[in-house]
Amino acid sequence: MARRANLIQVPQRLSLATDVETAKDPVCGVEMKRKDSKTILFRPGQTVYFCSKRCMNQFLNQSIAKKTAA
């Protein structure tokens, strides 16, 4: 049985980080302030920031494909 990732939608008014902390979307490569990310994926020992839901979904689909191919 596949484990489900913990996903949250970050409200615009909620700031999870300061202005100087940046992140890079692993799918499209966009650099953004962490507080401006649209979706955040929390995994054990890893937090991944995305510029859009589309990039997050593509990332999750790639992860599932890698696991099933192995």
Protein backbone atom coordinates (compact mmCIF):
# COMPACT_ATOMS: atom_id res chain seq x y z
CA MET A 1 0.00 0.00 0.00
CA ALA A 2 1.40 3.38 -0.98
CA ARG A 3 1.96 5.96 1.74
CA ARG A 4 0.26 9.28 1.31
CA ALA A 5 2.25 12.49 1.62
CA ASN A 6 1.09 15.21 3.97
CA LEU A 7 0.00 18.15 1.83
CA ILE A 8 -1.21 21.54 2.89
CA GLN A 9 -2.39 24.57 0.98
CA VAL A 10 -0.70 27.66 2.38
CA PRO A 11 -3.04 30.63 2.86
CA GLN A 12 -1.66 33.89 1.45
CA ARG A 13 -1.74 35.56 4.86
CA LEU A 14 0.24 32.79 6.56
CA SER A 15 3.99 33.24 6.55
CA LEU A 16 6.02 30.10 7.21
CA ALA A 17 9.39 31.71 6.57
CA THR A 18 11.15 35.04 6.41
CA ASP A 19 11.69 37.06 3.24
CA VAL A 20 15.33 36.05 2.89
CA GLU A 21 14.71 32.31 2.81
CA THR A 22 14.39 31.05 -0.75
CA ALA A 23 13.50 27.72 -2.27
CA LYS A 24 13.73 26.21 -5.72
CA ASP A 25 10.79 24.35 -7.24
CA PRO A 26 12.22 20.89 -8.08
CA VAL A 27 10.02 20.53 -11.17
CA CYS A 28 10.30 23.80 -13.07
CA GLY A 29 13.33 25.31 -11.32
CA VAL A 30 11.66 28.58 -10.32
CA GLU A 31 13.39 30.34 -7.43
CA MET A 32 10.93 31.86 -4.95
CA LYS A 33 10.68 33.10 -1.43
CA ARG A 34 9.51 30.23 0.73
CA LYS A 35 6.67 32.32 2.10
CA ASP A 36 5.42 32.88 -1.48
CA SER A 37 5.22 29.20 -2.41
CA LYS A 38 1.74 28.04 -3.37
CA THR A 39 2.02 24.47 -2.08
CA ILE A 40 4.33 22.77 0.40
CA LEU A 41 4.98 19.05 0.65
CA PHE A 42 6.14 17.71 4.02
CA ARG A 43 7.96 14.37 4.04
CA PRO A 44 10.02 12.84 6.82
CA GLY A 45 13.20 14.91 6.92
CA GLN A 46 12.27 16.95 3.84
CA THR A 47 10.14 19.99 3.01
CA VAL A 48 9.55 20.69 -0.68
CA TYR A 49 8.23 24.03 -1.94
CA PHE A 50 6.31 24.42 -5.21
CA CYS A 51 5.31 27.44 -7.30
CA SER A 52 1.99 25.82 -8.26
CA LYS A 53 -0.28 22.83 -7.69
CA ARG A 54 0.61 21.66 -11.20
CA CYS A 55 4.30 21.36 -10.30
CA MET A 56 3.46 19.56 -7.06
CA ASN A 57 1.24 17.06 -8.90
CA GLN A 58 3.94 16.44 -11.50
CA PHE A 59 6.50 15.89 -8.72
CA LEU A 60 4.21 13.38 -6.97
CA ASN A 61 3.50 11.54 -10.24
CA GLN A 62 7.25 11.27 -10.94
CA SER A 63 7.85 9.95 -7.42
CA ILE A 64 5.14 7.31 -7.80
CA ALA A 65 6.51 6.27 -11.22
CA LYS A 66 10.03 5.86 -9.76
CA LYS A 67 8.73 3.71 -6.91
CA THR A 68 6.68 1.45 -9.16
CA ALA A 69 9.56 1.07 -11.65
CA ALA A 70 11.99 -0.04 -8.92
